[in-house]
Amino acid sequence: MDPRIKLAVEIMESELDQPLLVSKVSVRLGLSASRFEHLFKRETGKAFKTRLRESRLEKARDLLIDHTLSIKEVAFAVGYSFTPNFTRDFRKRFGKPPSQTRNRSA
């Protein structure tokens, strides 16, 4: 994998709770936004935003198993500032809302 894209994935994984814009990440890597997006998709098979959303939702699923955080806190911990958007994306990705995921893991 291109080392710049590997670094982008590391940034993504370590900063899931932060707003990560293509333009900001590409500057950190010394690439134009369009070149970064092209390289990222070529190397990972997915667009940056798609991979970011998937990473956030995977982390959220892990956090839901730990019952110390509310669903709202989980949403914020993975970079969502609006809980209904988190719930919509979670349901779309996993086929059930966060509350059912939490209940089944109890």
Protein backbone atom coordinates (compact mmCIF):
# COMPACT_ATOMS: atom_id res chain seq x y z
CA MET A 1 0.00 0.00 0.00
CA ASP A 2 1.18 3.51 -0.77
CA PRO A 3 2.73 4.86 2.47
CA ARG A 4 0.71 8.07 2.21
CA ILE A 5 -2.54 6.13 2.10
CA LYS A 6 -1.37 3.90 4.93
CA LEU A 7 -0.76 7.07 6.96
CA ALA A 8 -4.21 8.39 5.98
CA VAL A 9 -5.80 5.18 7.29
CA GLU A 10 -3.81 5.52 10.53
CA ILE A 11 -4.97 9.13 10.89
CA MET A 12 -8.54 8.05 10.24
CA GLU A 13 -8.42 5.25 12.81
CA SER A 14 -6.85 7.42 15.50
CA GLU A 15 -9.08 10.45 14.95
CA LEU A 16 -12.52 8.90 14.47
CA ASP A 17 -14.03 11.36 16.92
CA GLN A 18 -12.74 14.36 14.93
CA PRO A 19 -14.22 15.90 11.80
CA LEU A 20 -11.95 14.56 9.07
CA LEU A 21 -12.22 16.37 5.78
CA VAL A 22 -10.53 15.16 2.63
CA SER A 23 -9.01 18.60 2.18
CA LYS A 24 -7.43 18.58 5.65
CA VAL A 25 -6.07 15.03 5.45
CA SER A 26 -4.70 15.59 1.95
CA VAL A 27 -2.81 18.70 3.12
CA ARG A 28 -1.29 16.68 5.97
CA LEU A 29 -0.05 14.19 3.37
CA GLY A 30 1.23 16.81 0.94
CA LEU A 31 -1.28 15.92 -1.77
CA SER A 32 -4.05 17.79 -3.53
CA ALA A 33 -7.52 16.71 -2.47
CA SER A 34 -8.31 15.20 -5.86
CA ARG A 35 -5.01 13.27 -6.02
CA PHE A 36 -5.55 12.00 -2.48
CA GLU A 37 -9.09 10.83 -3.25
CA HIS A 38 -7.89 9.06 -6.41
CA LEU A 39 -5.01 7.32 -4.59
CA PHE A 40 -7.16 6.40 -1.62
CA LYS A 41 -9.80 4.74 -3.78
CA ARG A 42 -7.18 2.95 -5.87
CA GLU A 43 -5.37 1.61 -2.80
CA THR A 44 -8.36 0.73 -0.60
CA GLY A 45 -11.15 0.14 -3.11
CA LYS A 46 -13.36 2.67 -1.33
CA ALA A 47 -13.81 6.40 -1.23
CA PHE A 48 -12.32 8.14 1.81
CA LYS A 49 -15.73 9.20 3.14
CA THR A 50 -17.12 5.68 2.76
CA ARG A 51 -14.17 4.11 4.57
CA LEU A 52 -14.38 6.76 7.30
CA ARG A 53 -18.09 6.11 7.87
CA GLU A 54 -17.51 2.34 7.98
CA SER A 55 -14.65 2.73 10.46
CA ARG A 56 -16.76 4.96 12.68
CA LEU A 57 -19.66 2.54 12.66
CA GLU A 58 -17.46 -0.48 13.38
CA LYS A 59 -15.97 1.35 16.37
CA ALA A 60 -19.46 2.36 17.49
CA ARG A 61 -20.60 -1.26 17.42
CA ASP A 62 -17.66 -2.16 19.68
CA LEU A 63 -18.49 0.70 22.05
CA LEU A 64 -22.14 -0.32 22.27
CA ILE A 65 -21.12 -3.64 23.78
CA ASP A 66 -19.59 -1.71 26.68
CA HIS A 67 -22.66 -0.44 28.50
CA THR A 68 -20.89 2.48 30.17
CA LEU A 69 -21.68 4.92 27.35
CA SER A 70 -25.12 6.04 26.23
CA ILE A 71 -25.99 5.79 22.55
CA LYS A 72 -25.57 9.57 22.29
CA GLU A 73 -22.11 9.33 23.87
CA VAL A 74 -21.15 6.55 21.47
CA ALA A 75 -22.30 8.69 18.54
CA PHE A 76 -20.14 11.60 19.73
CA ALA A 77 -17.18 9.29 20.43
CA VAL A 78 -17.10 8.25 16.78
CA GLY A 79 -17.51 11.70 15.28
CA TYR A 80 -21.26 12.13 14.91
CA SER A 81 -22.60 15.42 16.25
CA PHE A 82 -26.24 14.55 15.54
CA THR A 83 -27.52 11.28 17.03
CA PRO A 84 -30.33 10.71 14.48
CA ASN A 85 -27.75 10.68 11.67
CA PHE A 86 -25.70 8.16 13.62
CA THR A 87 -28.76 5.96 14.18
CA ARG A 88 -29.72 6.15 10.49
CA ASP A 89 -26.20 5.25 9.30
CA PHE A 90 -25.87 2.48 11.90
CA ARG A 91 -29.17 0.91 10.87
CA LYS A 92 -28.21 1.14 7.21
CA ARG A 93 -24.84 -0.56 7.85
CA PHE A 94 -25.92 -3.28 10.29
CA GLY A 95 -29.64 -3.71 9.61
CA LYS A 96 -30.74 -2.77 13.11
CA PRO A 97 -30.60 0.33 15.30
CA PRO A 98 -27.92 0.85 17.95
CA SER A 99 -30.41 0.15 20.74
CA GLN A 100 -31.03 -3.39 19.45
CA THR A 101 -27.31 -4.01 19.15
CA ARG A 102 -26.88 -2.92 22.75
CA ASN A 103 -29.82 -5.01 23.99
CA ARG A 104 -28.58 -8.17 22.29
CA SER A 105 -25.10 -7.76 23.75
CA ALA A 106 -26.46 -7.43 27.30
